[in-house]
Amino acid sequence: MAVKKSAQPVPDTTRRSERSRRAIYDAALALVGEVGYPRTTIEGIAARAGVGKQTIYRWWTSKADVLLEAFLDLSEQAAREAEPEGQFTIPDTGDLAADLKTVLRLTVDQLRDPRFEVPSRALAAEGVVDEELGRIMMAKLLEPSLQLYVDRLRAAQEAGQVRQEIDPRIALELWVSPLAQRWLQYTGPISYEYTDTLVDYALYGIGPRGPRS
């Protein structure tokens, strides 16, 4: 009597694809940090990830698409680490200063994390000279984060903590822009004390607070 052969297990293509995608993310971020954006190539990413070049082109059309998606994934990982139970938002405890300081301290942690810092600097530098890349980075990476500040400031306006005529998009630059400049141009160290001070200066001003005794 013939023995029926057992069926071969069906390969899990979803798992295999996810492993390949993750390897490509890691390879892209590592390369852009090591050799810079201009010298990073699809061929180099494929070789580093151990996949065929066509595997990358099946999912993305350019190295910019690969790197931006990899960086967005990295940013989402950082957000999940900061807020494991749900979507990351700026807290609203009723104390605007405390809430902003909390989020900016998390930002300091991220900016000092080598996983984030190395590829982020490489992409930021290239985004300055490549207008198209810079605009894509703004739309996909920066805008969602800035919108969180806008939402929190509008809530503070509704609570009477911020003047109604204040434009949140301008106001947020009082702490976001100085932090970005100091980090990008090495004009000084970034720390919790620094970002706390930015918030205090932004919300309370630098003029005299009352008559001297």
N, C-alpha and C. Protein backbone atom coordinates (compact mmCIF):
# COMPACT_ATOMS: atom_id res chain seq x y z
N MET A 1 0.84 -1.19 0.00
CA MET A 1 0.00 0.00 0.00
C MET A 1 0.88 1.24 0.00
N ALA A 2 0.55 2.15 -0.88
CA ALA A 2 1.35 3.37 -0.97
C ALA A 2 1.13 4.25 0.25
N VAL A 3 2.20 4.85 0.71
CA VAL A 3 2.13 5.76 1.85
C VAL A 3 1.97 7.17 1.33
N LYS A 4 0.92 7.78 1.78
CA LYS A 4 0.65 9.15 1.34
C LYS A 4 1.65 10.11 1.98
N LYS A 5 2.31 10.89 1.14
CA LYS A 5 3.27 11.84 1.67
C LYS A 5 2.55 12.98 2.37
N SER A 6 3.15 13.42 3.47
CA SER A 6 2.56 14.55 4.21
C SER A 6 2.74 15.82 3.40
N ALA A 7 1.75 16.67 3.49
CA ALA A 7 1.81 17.94 2.76
C ALA A 7 2.94 18.82 3.28
N GLN A 8 3.65 19.46 2.37
CA GLN A 8 4.71 20.37 2.77
C GLN A 8 4.09 21.64 3.35
N PRO A 9 4.69 22.18 4.41
CA PRO A 9 4.15 23.43 4.97
C PRO A 9 4.22 24.55 3.94
N VAL A 10 3.20 25.36 3.94
CA VAL A 10 3.13 26.49 3.01
C VAL A 10 3.96 27.64 3.58
N PRO A 11 4.91 28.16 2.82
CA PRO A 11 5.72 29.27 3.33
C PRO A 11 4.86 30.47 3.70
N ASP A 12 5.20 31.09 4.77
CA ASP A 12 4.48 32.28 5.22
C ASP A 12 5.11 33.49 4.54
N THR A 13 4.57 33.87 3.39
CA THR A 13 5.15 34.97 2.63
C THR A 13 4.99 36.31 3.35
N THR A 14 3.95 36.43 4.16
CA THR A 14 3.76 37.68 4.90
C THR A 14 4.90 37.89 5.88
N ARG A 15 5.24 36.82 6.61
CA ARG A 15 6.34 36.94 7.58
C ARG A 15 7.67 37.19 6.87
N ARG A 16 7.86 36.48 5.73
CA ARG A 16 9.10 36.67 4.99
C ARG A 16 9.20 38.10 4.47
N SER A 17 8.10 38.63 3.97
CA SER A 17 8.10 40.00 3.46
C SER A 17 8.39 41.00 4.56
N GLU A 18 7.83 40.76 5.74
CA GLU A 18 8.06 41.67 6.86
C GLU A 18 9.53 41.64 7.29
N ARG A 19 10.12 40.45 7.29
CA ARG A 19 11.54 40.36 7.63
C ARG A 19 12.39 41.12 6.61
N SER A 20 12.06 40.97 5.34
CA SER A 20 12.80 41.68 4.30
C SER A 20 12.63 43.18 4.43
N ARG A 21 11.41 43.60 4.67
CA ARG A 21 11.14 45.03 4.82
C ARG A 21 11.92 45.61 5.99
N ARG A 22 11.93 44.88 7.11
CA ARG A 22 12.66 45.35 8.28
C ARG A 22 14.16 45.41 8.00
N ALA A 23 14.68 44.43 7.28
CA ALA A 23 16.10 44.42 6.94
C ALA A 23 16.44 45.60 6.04
N ILE A 24 15.54 45.93 5.13
CA ILE A 24 15.77 47.07 4.23
C ILE A 24 15.75 48.38 5.01
N TYR A 25 14.81 48.52 5.93
CA TYR A 25 14.78 49.71 6.79
C TYR A 25 16.12 49.88 7.50
N ASP A 26 16.56 48.80 8.16
CA ASP A 26 17.79 48.87 8.94
C ASP A 26 18.99 49.20 8.05
N ALA A 27 19.04 48.57 6.88
CA ALA A 27 20.16 48.80 5.97
C ALA A 27 20.17 50.25 5.47
N ALA A 28 19.00 50.78 5.12
CA ALA A 28 18.91 52.14 4.61
C ALA A 28 19.36 53.16 5.66
N LEU A 29 18.89 53.00 6.88
CA LEU A 29 19.26 53.93 7.94
C LEU A 29 20.74 53.84 8.28
N ALA A 30 21.27 52.61 8.28
CA ALA A 30 22.69 52.44 8.59
C ALA A 30 23.56 53.08 7.51
N LEU A 31 23.21 52.86 6.25
CA LEU A 31 24.02 53.39 5.15
C LEU A 31 24.00 54.90 5.09
N VAL A 32 22.82 55.49 5.24
CA VAL A 32 22.75 56.95 5.14
C VAL A 32 23.53 57.60 6.26
N GLY A 33 23.63 56.93 7.42
CA GLY A 33 24.43 57.45 8.51
C GLY A 33 25.92 57.28 8.27
N GLU A 34 26.29 56.21 7.59
CA GLU A 34 27.70 55.91 7.37
C GLU A 34 28.30 56.67 6.19
N VAL A 35 27.58 56.74 5.07
CA VAL A 35 28.16 57.33 3.85
C VAL A 35 27.43 58.57 3.38
N GLY A 36 26.32 58.94 4.04
CA GLY A 36 25.57 60.11 3.64
C GLY A 36 24.51 59.79 2.59
N TYR A 37 23.59 60.72 2.42
CA TYR A 37 22.49 60.48 1.49
C TYR A 37 22.94 60.35 0.03
N PRO A 38 23.80 61.23 -0.49
CA PRO A 38 24.16 61.14 -1.92
C PRO A 38 24.80 59.81 -2.29
N ARG A 39 25.58 59.22 -1.40
CA ARG A 39 26.30 57.98 -1.73
C ARG A 39 25.50 56.73 -1.37
N THR A 40 24.36 56.91 -0.76
CA THR A 40 23.49 55.76 -0.49
C THR A 40 22.74 55.41 -1.77
N THR A 41 22.74 54.13 -2.13
CA THR A 41 22.10 53.70 -3.37
C THR A 41 21.15 52.53 -3.09
N ILE A 42 20.24 52.32 -4.02
CA ILE A 42 19.35 51.16 -3.92
C ILE A 42 20.18 49.88 -3.92
N GLU A 43 21.21 49.82 -4.76
CA GLU A 43 22.06 48.64 -4.82
C GLU A 43 22.75 48.39 -3.48
N GLY A 44 23.22 49.46 -2.87
CA GLY A 44 23.88 49.32 -1.58
C GLY A 44 22.93 48.87 -0.49
N ILE A 45 21.74 49.43 -0.51
CA ILE A 45 20.73 49.03 0.48
C ILE A 45 20.38 47.56 0.31
N ALA A 46 20.19 47.13 -0.94
CA ALA A 46 19.84 45.74 -1.22
C ALA A 46 20.93 44.80 -0.74
N ALA A 47 22.19 45.14 -1.05
CA ALA A 47 23.30 44.28 -0.64
C ALA A 47 23.40 44.21 0.88
N ARG A 48 23.22 45.33 1.53
CA ARG A 48 23.32 45.37 3.00
C ARG A 48 22.18 44.57 3.64
N ALA A 49 21.00 44.64 3.03
CA ALA A 49 19.83 43.96 3.58
C ALA A 49 19.78 42.48 3.20
N GLY A 50 20.60 42.08 2.22
CA GLY A 50 20.58 40.69 1.78
C GLY A 50 19.36 40.35 0.95
N VAL A 51 18.89 41.32 0.16
CA VAL A 51 17.74 41.09 -0.72
C VAL A 51 18.12 41.51 -2.13
N GLY A 52 17.31 41.12 -3.10
CA GLY A 52 17.53 41.54 -4.47
C GLY A 52 17.07 42.97 -4.69
N LYS A 53 17.71 43.63 -5.65
CA LYS A 53 17.35 45.01 -5.95
C LYS A 53 15.88 45.12 -6.35
N GLN A 54 15.39 44.12 -7.06
CA GLN A 54 14.01 44.16 -7.52
C GLN A 54 13.02 44.08 -6.34
N THR A 55 13.45 43.47 -5.25
CA THR A 55 12.59 43.43 -4.06
C THR A 55 12.31 44.85 -3.57
N ILE A 56 13.33 45.68 -3.59
CA ILE A 56 13.16 47.08 -3.17
C ILE A 56 12.28 47.82 -4.16
N TYR A 57 12.54 47.66 -5.43
CA TYR A 57 11.76 48.38 -6.43
C TYR A 57 10.30 47.91 -6.48
N ARG A 58 10.04 46.74 -5.95
CA ARG A 58 8.65 46.27 -5.90
C ARG A 58 7.85 47.08 -4.89
N TRP A 59 8.51 47.60 -3.87
CA TRP A 59 7.82 48.34 -2.82
C TRP A 59 8.02 49.85 -2.89
N TRP A 60 9.15 50.29 -3.43
CA TRP A 60 9.45 51.71 -3.46
C TRP A 60 9.97 52.11 -4.84
N THR A 61 9.84 53.37 -5.17
CA THR A 61 10.28 53.85 -6.48
C THR A 61 11.65 54.51 -6.44
N SER A 62 12.14 54.89 -5.25
CA SER A 62 13.42 55.59 -5.17
C SER A 62 14.03 55.39 -3.79
N LYS A 63 15.29 55.75 -3.66
CA LYS A 63 15.94 55.63 -2.36
C LYS A 63 15.34 56.62 -1.36
N ALA A 64 14.87 57.76 -1.87
CA ALA A 64 14.24 58.73 -0.97
C ALA A 64 13.00 58.11 -0.32
N ASP A 65 12.21 57.39 -1.11
CA ASP A 65 11.02 56.73 -0.56
C ASP A 65 11.40 55.71 0.50
N VAL A 66 12.46 54.94 0.23
CA VAL A 66 12.91 53.93 1.19
C VAL A 66 13.33 54.60 2.49
N LEU A 67 14.18 55.60 2.38
CA LEU A 67 14.73 56.24 3.57
C LEU A 67 13.67 56.96 4.38
N LEU A 68 12.77 57.64 3.71
CA LEU A 68 11.73 58.35 4.43
C LEU A 68 10.81 57.38 5.17
N GLU A 69 10.46 56.27 4.51
CA GLU A 69 9.60 55.30 5.18
C GLU A 69 10.33 54.64 6.34
N ALA A 70 11.63 54.36 6.14
CA ALA A 70 12.42 53.76 7.22
C ALA A 70 12.51 54.72 8.41
N PHE A 71 12.70 56.00 8.10
CA PHE A 71 12.83 56.98 9.18
C PHE A 71 11.49 57.19 9.88
N LEU A 72 10.41 57.18 9.10
CA LEU A 72 9.09 57.31 9.70
C LEU A 72 8.81 56.12 10.62
N ASP A 73 9.20 54.93 10.19
CA ASP A 73 9.04 53.75 11.02
C ASP A 73 9.85 53.88 12.31
N LEU A 74 11.06 54.41 12.19
CA LEU A 74 11.90 54.61 13.37
C LEU A 74 11.25 55.59 14.34
N SER A 75 10.68 56.66 13.80
CA SER A 75 10.01 57.65 14.63
C SER A 75 8.79 57.05 15.33
N GLU A 76 8.05 56.20 14.62
CA GLU A 76 6.89 55.54 15.21
C GLU A 76 7.31 54.59 16.32
N GLN A 77 8.44 53.92 16.15
CA GLN A 77 8.95 53.05 17.21
C GLN A 77 9.26 53.86 18.46
N ALA A 78 9.90 55.01 18.25
CA ALA A 78 10.22 55.88 19.39
C ALA A 78 8.96 56.36 20.09
N ALA A 79 7.92 56.68 19.30
CA ALA A 79 6.65 57.13 19.89
C ALA A 79 6.00 56.01 20.69
N ARG A 80 6.07 54.78 20.17
CA ARG A 80 5.49 53.65 20.89
C ARG A 80 6.23 53.38 22.19
N GLU A 81 7.54 53.57 22.17
CA GLU A 81 8.32 53.39 23.39
C GLU A 81 7.93 54.43 24.43
N ALA A 82 7.66 55.64 23.96
CA ALA A 82 7.27 56.71 24.88
C ALA A 82 5.84 56.54 25.37
N GLU A 83 4.97 55.99 24.51
CA GLU A 83 3.56 55.84 24.85
C GLU A 83 3.11 54.45 24.39
N PRO A 84 3.45 53.39 25.15
CA PRO A 84 3.17 52.02 24.71
C PRO A 84 1.69 51.69 24.57
N GLU A 85 0.82 52.41 25.26
CA GLU A 85 -0.58 52.02 25.31
C GLU A 85 -1.44 52.63 24.21
N GLY A 86 -0.89 53.49 23.42
CA GLY A 86 -1.74 54.09 22.39
C GLY A 86 -1.00 55.10 21.56
N GLN A 87 -1.77 55.85 20.77
CA GLN A 87 -1.19 56.85 19.88
C GLN A 87 -0.59 57.99 20.69
N PHE A 88 0.58 58.41 20.28
CA PHE A 88 1.27 59.46 21.01
C PHE A 88 0.59 60.81 20.80
N THR A 89 0.32 61.48 21.88
CA THR A 89 -0.22 62.84 21.84
C THR A 89 0.46 63.65 22.93
N ILE A 90 0.36 64.95 22.83
CA ILE A 90 0.85 65.80 23.91
C ILE A 90 -0.18 65.78 25.03
N PRO A 91 0.25 65.47 26.24
CA PRO A 91 -0.72 65.37 27.34
C PRO A 91 -1.40 66.69 27.61
N ASP A 92 -2.60 66.61 28.15
CA ASP A 92 -3.33 67.80 28.54
C ASP A 92 -3.74 67.62 30.00
N THR A 93 -2.85 68.03 30.89
CA THR A 93 -3.10 67.91 32.33
C THR A 93 -3.74 69.18 32.89
N GLY A 94 -3.88 70.19 32.01
CA GLY A 94 -4.35 71.49 32.48
C GLY A 94 -3.20 72.45 32.77
N ASP A 95 -1.97 71.91 32.80
CA ASP A 95 -0.78 72.73 33.03
C ASP A 95 0.02 72.73 31.74
N LEU A 96 -0.13 73.77 30.93
CA LEU A 96 0.49 73.83 29.62
C LEU A 96 2.01 73.74 29.71
N ALA A 97 2.59 74.49 30.62
CA ALA A 97 4.05 74.49 30.74
C ALA A 97 4.57 73.09 31.05
N ALA A 98 3.94 72.43 32.00
CA ALA A 98 4.39 71.08 32.38
C ALA A 98 4.24 70.11 31.22
N ASP A 99 3.14 70.23 30.48
CA ASP A 99 2.91 69.32 29.36
C ASP A 99 3.94 69.51 28.26
N LEU A 100 4.25 70.76 27.94
CA LEU A 100 5.25 71.03 26.91
C LEU A 100 6.63 70.55 27.35
N LYS A 101 6.95 70.76 28.61
CA LYS A 101 8.26 70.31 29.11
C LYS A 101 8.38 68.79 29.04
N THR A 102 7.30 68.09 29.34
CA THR A 102 7.32 66.63 29.27
C THR A 102 7.64 66.15 27.86
N VAL A 103 6.95 66.72 26.89
CA VAL A 103 7.15 66.29 25.50
C VAL A 103 8.53 66.68 24.99
N LEU A 104 9.00 67.85 25.33
CA LEU A 104 10.32 68.28 24.86
C LEU A 104 11.43 67.45 25.50
N ARG A 105 11.22 66.99 26.71
CA ARG A 105 12.21 66.09 27.32
C ARG A 105 12.28 64.78 26.56
N LEU A 106 11.14 64.28 26.12
CA LEU A 106 11.13 63.07 25.29
C LEU A 106 11.83 63.32 23.96
N THR A 107 11.65 64.53 23.43
CA THR A 107 12.33 64.89 22.18
C THR A 107 13.84 64.91 22.38
N VAL A 108 14.29 65.44 23.50
CA VAL A 108 15.73 65.44 23.80
C VAL A 108 16.26 64.01 23.84
N ASP A 109 15.52 63.12 24.49
CA ASP A 109 15.95 61.71 24.54
C ASP A 109 16.09 61.14 23.14
N GLN A 110 15.14 61.45 22.27
CA GLN A 110 15.18 60.92 20.91
C GLN A 110 16.35 61.51 20.13
N LEU A 111 16.56 62.81 20.24
CA LEU A 111 17.64 63.45 19.50
C LEU A 111 19.01 62.96 19.94
N ARG A 112 19.12 62.50 21.17
CA ARG A 112 20.41 62.00 21.67
C ARG A 112 20.56 60.49 21.48
N ASP A 113 19.53 59.84 20.95
CA ASP A 113 19.57 58.40 20.70
C ASP A 113 20.30 58.16 19.38
N PRO A 114 21.43 57.43 19.38
CA PRO A 114 22.18 57.22 18.13
C PRO A 114 21.35 56.58 17.03
N ARG A 115 20.38 55.75 17.39
CA ARG A 115 19.53 55.13 16.36
C ARG A 115 18.82 56.19 15.53
N PHE A 116 18.45 57.27 16.18
CA PHE A 116 17.71 58.35 15.54
C PHE A 116 18.64 59.43 15.03
N GLU A 117 19.65 59.76 15.83
CA GLU A 117 20.47 60.94 15.54
C GLU A 117 21.26 60.80 14.24
N VAL A 118 21.90 59.66 14.03
CA VAL A 118 22.78 59.52 12.86
C VAL A 118 22.02 59.65 11.54
N PRO A 119 20.98 58.84 11.30
CA PRO A 119 20.26 59.02 10.03
C PRO A 119 19.51 60.34 9.95
N SER A 120 19.05 60.84 11.09
CA SER A 120 18.31 62.09 11.08
C SER A 120 19.18 63.24 10.63
N ARG A 121 20.40 63.30 11.11
CA ARG A 121 21.32 64.36 10.69
C ARG A 121 21.62 64.26 9.19
N ALA A 122 21.82 63.05 8.71
CA ALA A 122 22.13 62.87 7.30
C ALA A 122 20.97 63.33 6.42
N LEU A 123 19.75 62.95 6.78
CA LEU A 123 18.60 63.34 5.99
C LEU A 123 18.32 64.84 6.11
N ALA A 124 18.50 65.39 7.31
CA ALA A 124 18.25 66.82 7.50
C ALA A 124 19.23 67.64 6.67
N ALA A 125 20.49 67.23 6.64
CA ALA A 125 21.49 67.95 5.86
C ALA A 125 21.15 67.91 4.37
N GLU A 126 20.74 66.75 3.88
CA GLU A 126 20.40 66.63 2.47
C GLU A 126 19.13 67.40 2.15
N GLY A 127 18.19 67.46 3.11
CA GLY A 127 16.95 68.18 2.89
C GLY A 127 17.14 69.67 2.72
N VAL A 128 18.27 70.19 3.21
CA VAL A 128 18.56 71.61 3.05
C VAL A 128 18.92 71.93 1.60
N VAL A 129 19.66 71.04 0.96
CA VAL A 129 20.13 71.31 -0.41
C VAL A 129 19.22 70.70 -1.47
N ASP A 130 18.42 69.71 -1.08
CA ASP A 130 17.49 69.08 -2.01
C ASP A 130 16.08 69.50 -1.61
N GLU A 131 15.57 70.52 -2.30
CA GLU A 131 14.28 71.10 -1.91
C GLU A 131 13.15 70.07 -1.93
N GLU A 132 13.14 69.21 -2.96
CA GLU A 132 12.06 68.22 -3.04
C GLU A 132 12.10 67.28 -1.85
N LEU A 133 13.29 66.78 -1.52
CA LEU A 133 13.41 65.89 -0.36
C LEU A 133 13.01 66.63 0.91
N GLY A 134 13.45 67.89 1.03
CA GLY A 134 13.12 68.67 2.23
C GLY A 134 11.62 68.85 2.39
N ARG A 135 10.92 69.09 1.30
CA ARG A 135 9.47 69.27 1.38
C ARG A 135 8.76 67.96 1.71
N ILE A 136 9.27 66.86 1.18
CA ILE A 136 8.69 65.55 1.51
C ILE A 136 8.89 65.24 2.98
N MET A 137 10.08 65.52 3.48
CA MET A 137 10.35 65.29 4.91
C MET A 137 9.43 66.13 5.77
N MET A 138 9.22 67.37 5.35
CA MET A 138 8.34 68.25 6.11
C MET A 138 6.93 67.68 6.17
N ALA A 139 6.42 67.25 5.02
CA ALA A 139 5.04 66.77 4.95
C ALA A 139 4.85 65.45 5.69
N LYS A 140 5.80 64.53 5.55
CA LYS A 140 5.61 63.19 6.09
C LYS A 140 6.13 63.02 7.51
N LEU A 141 7.19 63.76 7.86
CA LEU A 141 7.82 63.55 9.16
C LEU A 141 7.56 64.67 10.16
N LEU A 142 7.74 65.91 9.72
CA LEU A 142 7.66 67.02 10.67
C LEU A 142 6.25 67.52 10.91
N GLU A 143 5.47 67.62 9.85
CA GLU A 143 4.13 68.19 9.98
C GLU A 143 3.27 67.47 11.01
N PRO A 144 3.23 66.13 11.02
CA PRO A 144 2.40 65.45 12.04
C PRO A 144 2.80 65.82 13.47
N SER A 145 4.11 65.96 13.71
CA SER A 145 4.56 66.32 15.05
C SER A 145 4.19 67.75 15.40
N LEU A 146 4.36 68.65 14.43
CA LEU A 146 4.00 70.05 14.68
C LEU A 146 2.51 70.20 14.94
N GLN A 147 1.71 69.39 14.27
CA GLN A 147 0.27 69.48 14.45
C GLN A 147 -0.13 69.12 15.89
N LEU A 148 0.63 68.26 16.53
CA LEU A 148 0.34 67.92 17.93
C LEU A 148 0.48 69.16 18.82
N TYR A 149 1.50 69.97 18.55
CA TYR A 149 1.67 71.21 19.31
C TYR A 149 0.53 72.19 19.02
N VAL A 150 0.15 72.27 17.76
CA VAL A 150 -0.97 73.15 17.39
C VAL A 150 -2.23 72.76 18.16
N ASP A 151 -2.52 71.46 18.18
CA ASP A 151 -3.72 70.98 18.88
C ASP A 151 -3.67 71.30 20.37
N ARG A 152 -2.49 71.12 20.97
CA ARG A 152 -2.37 71.38 22.42
C ARG A 152 -2.51 72.87 22.71
N LEU A 153 -1.94 73.72 21.86
CA LEU A 153 -2.06 75.16 22.08
C LEU A 153 -3.49 75.64 21.88
N ARG A 154 -4.18 75.06 20.93
CA ARG A 154 -5.59 75.44 20.74
C ARG A 154 -6.43 75.04 21.94
N ALA A 155 -6.13 73.89 22.53
CA ALA A 155 -6.83 73.49 23.74
C ALA A 155 -6.53 74.47 24.87
N ALA A 156 -5.29 74.95 24.93
CA ALA A 156 -4.93 75.94 25.95
C ALA A 156 -5.66 77.26 25.70
N GLN A 157 -5.85 77.62 24.44
CA GLN A 157 -6.62 78.82 24.14
C GLN A 157 -8.06 78.68 24.60
N GLU A 158 -8.64 77.52 24.36
CA GLU A 158 -10.01 77.28 24.80
C GLU A 158 -10.14 77.33 26.32
N ALA A 159 -9.06 76.97 27.00
CA ALA A 159 -9.07 76.98 28.47
C ALA A 159 -8.69 78.35 29.04
N GLY A 160 -8.42 79.31 28.16
CA GLY A 160 -8.07 80.64 28.62
C GLY A 160 -6.64 80.77 29.09
N GLN A 161 -5.77 79.81 28.74
CA GLN A 161 -4.37 79.85 29.17
C GLN A 161 -3.46 80.54 28.15
N VAL A 162 -3.96 80.72 26.94
CA VAL A 162 -3.21 81.38 25.88
C VAL A 162 -4.14 82.37 25.21
N ARG A 163 -3.63 83.55 24.87
CA ARG A 163 -4.46 84.58 24.27
C ARG A 163 -5.06 84.08 22.96
N GLN A 164 -6.28 84.48 22.68
CA GLN A 164 -7.00 84.01 21.51
C GLN A 164 -6.35 84.43 20.20
N GLU A 165 -5.70 85.59 20.21
CA GLU A 165 -5.13 86.08 18.95
C GLU A 165 -3.79 85.42 18.59
N ILE A 166 -3.26 84.61 19.48
CA ILE A 166 -1.99 83.95 19.23
C ILE A 166 -2.15 82.90 18.13
N ASP A 167 -1.22 82.90 17.18
CA ASP A 167 -1.20 81.89 16.12
C ASP A 167 -0.37 80.71 16.61
N PRO A 168 -0.99 79.54 16.84
CA PRO A 168 -0.23 78.39 17.36
C PRO A 168 0.95 78.00 16.49
N ARG A 169 0.82 78.14 15.15
CA ARG A 169 1.91 77.73 14.27
C ARG A 169 3.14 78.62 14.44
N ILE A 170 2.93 79.86 14.81
CA ILE A 170 4.07 80.74 15.09
C ILE A 170 4.58 80.50 16.50
N ALA A 171 3.66 80.34 17.44
CA ALA A 171 4.05 80.18 18.84
C ALA A 171 4.93 78.96 19.06
N LEU A 172 4.61 77.85 18.41
CA LEU A 172 5.37 76.63 18.65
C LEU A 172 6.83 76.76 18.22
N GLU A 173 7.10 77.70 17.30
CA GLU A 173 8.47 77.90 16.85
C GLU A 173 9.35 78.48 17.96
N LEU A 174 8.74 79.02 19.00
CA LEU A 174 9.51 79.59 20.09
C LEU A 174 10.31 78.54 20.85
N TRP A 175 9.86 77.29 20.81
CA TRP A 175 10.65 76.22 21.45
C TRP A 175 11.14 75.16 20.46
N VAL A 176 10.39 74.91 19.40
CA VAL A 176 10.80 73.89 18.44
C VAL A 176 12.02 74.35 17.64
N SER A 177 11.99 75.57 17.13
CA SER A 177 13.08 76.05 16.27
C SER A 177 14.40 76.21 17.00
N PRO A 178 14.44 76.81 18.20
CA PRO A 178 15.72 76.89 18.90
C PRO A 178 16.32 75.53 19.21
N LEU A 179 15.48 74.57 19.58
CA LEU A 179 15.98 73.22 19.86
C LEU A 179 16.57 72.59 18.60
N ALA A 180 15.86 72.73 17.47
CA ALA A 180 16.35 72.16 16.22
C ALA A 180 17.66 72.81 15.80
N GLN A 181 17.74 74.13 15.93
CA GLN A 181 18.97 74.83 15.54
C GLN A 181 20.14 74.40 16.40
N ARG A 182 19.95 74.32 17.70
CA ARG A 182 21.04 73.95 18.60
C ARG A 182 21.51 72.53 18.31
N TRP A 183 20.56 71.65 18.01
CA TRP A 183 20.91 70.25 17.72
C TRP A 183 21.62 70.12 16.37
N LEU A 184 21.11 70.80 15.35
CA LEU A 184 21.67 70.66 14.01
C LEU A 184 23.03 71.35 13.88
N GLN A 185 23.18 72.50 14.51
CA GLN A 185 24.38 73.31 14.30
C GLN A 185 25.36 73.24 15.47
N TYR A 186 25.07 72.42 16.45
CA TYR A 186 25.97 72.23 17.60
C TYR A 186 26.30 73.56 18.29
N THR A 187 25.28 74.44 18.38
CA THR A 187 25.54 75.72 19.01
C THR A 187 25.56 75.62 20.53
N GLY A 188 25.19 74.48 21.06
CA GLY A 188 25.20 74.26 22.50
C GLY A 188 24.61 72.91 22.82
N PRO A 189 24.78 72.44 24.04
CA PRO A 189 24.23 71.13 24.40
C PRO A 189 22.71 71.18 24.51
N ILE A 190 22.08 70.06 24.24
CA ILE A 190 20.63 69.97 24.46
C ILE A 190 20.41 69.13 25.71
N SER A 191 19.50 69.58 26.53
CA SER A 191 19.26 68.94 27.81
C SER A 191 17.85 69.25 28.28
N TYR A 192 17.41 68.57 29.33
CA TYR A 192 16.11 68.87 29.92
C TYR A 192 16.08 70.31 30.42
N GLU A 193 17.17 70.75 31.03
CA GLU A 193 17.21 72.11 31.56
C GLU A 193 17.04 73.13 30.44
N TYR A 194 17.65 72.85 29.31
CA TYR A 194 17.55 73.76 28.18
C TYR A 194 16.12 73.85 27.66
N THR A 195 15.48 72.71 27.43
CA THR A 195 14.12 72.76 26.89
C THR A 195 13.13 73.30 27.92
N ASP A 196 13.35 73.02 29.20
CA ASP A 196 12.49 73.60 30.23
C ASP A 196 12.57 75.13 30.18
N THR A 197 13.79 75.62 29.99
CA THR A 197 13.99 77.07 29.93
C THR A 197 13.33 77.67 28.69
N LEU A 198 13.40 76.96 27.56
CA LEU A 198 12.73 77.44 26.36
C LEU A 198 11.24 77.63 26.61
N VAL A 199 10.63 76.66 27.28
CA VAL A 199 9.20 76.76 27.57
C VAL A 199 8.92 77.95 28.47
N ASP A 200 9.72 78.12 29.51
CA ASP A 200 9.51 79.24 30.44
C ASP A 200 9.64 80.57 29.71
N TYR A 201 10.67 80.71 28.87
CA TYR A 201 10.86 81.95 28.13
C TYR A 201 9.69 82.19 27.16
N ALA A 202 9.24 81.11 26.50
CA ALA A 202 8.16 81.25 25.52
C ALA A 202 6.84 81.65 26.18
N LEU A 203 6.53 81.04 27.31
CA LEU A 203 5.23 81.28 27.94
C LEU A 203 5.22 82.50 28.85
N TYR A 204 6.36 82.82 29.45
CA TYR A 204 6.37 83.90 30.44
C TYR A 204 7.20 85.12 30.00
N GLY A 205 7.87 85.02 28.87
CA GLY A 205 8.63 86.16 28.37
C GLY A 205 9.94 86.36 29.09
N ILE A 206 10.67 87.36 28.65
CA ILE A 206 11.98 87.64 29.27
C ILE A 206 12.02 89.04 29.87
N GLY A 207 10.91 89.73 29.84
CA GLY A 207 10.87 91.05 30.44
C GLY A 207 10.68 90.99 31.96
N PRO A 208 10.80 92.11 32.63
CA PRO A 208 10.58 92.14 34.08
C PRO A 208 9.17 91.65 34.41
N ARG A 209 9.05 90.90 35.51
CA ARG A 209 7.76 90.34 35.91
C ARG A 209 7.04 91.22 36.92
N GLY A 210 7.66 92.25 37.33
CA GLY A 210 7.00 93.12 38.29
C GLY A 210 8.01 94.10 38.85
N PRO A 211 7.56 95.08 39.61
CA PRO A 211 8.49 96.07 40.17
C PRO A 211 9.45 95.40 41.16
N ARG A 212 10.69 95.87 41.13
CA ARG A 212 11.66 95.35 42.07
C ARG A 212 11.36 95.84 43.46
N SER A 213 11.55 94.97 44.42
CA SER A 213 11.29 95.36 45.80
C SER A 213 12.47 96.15 46.36
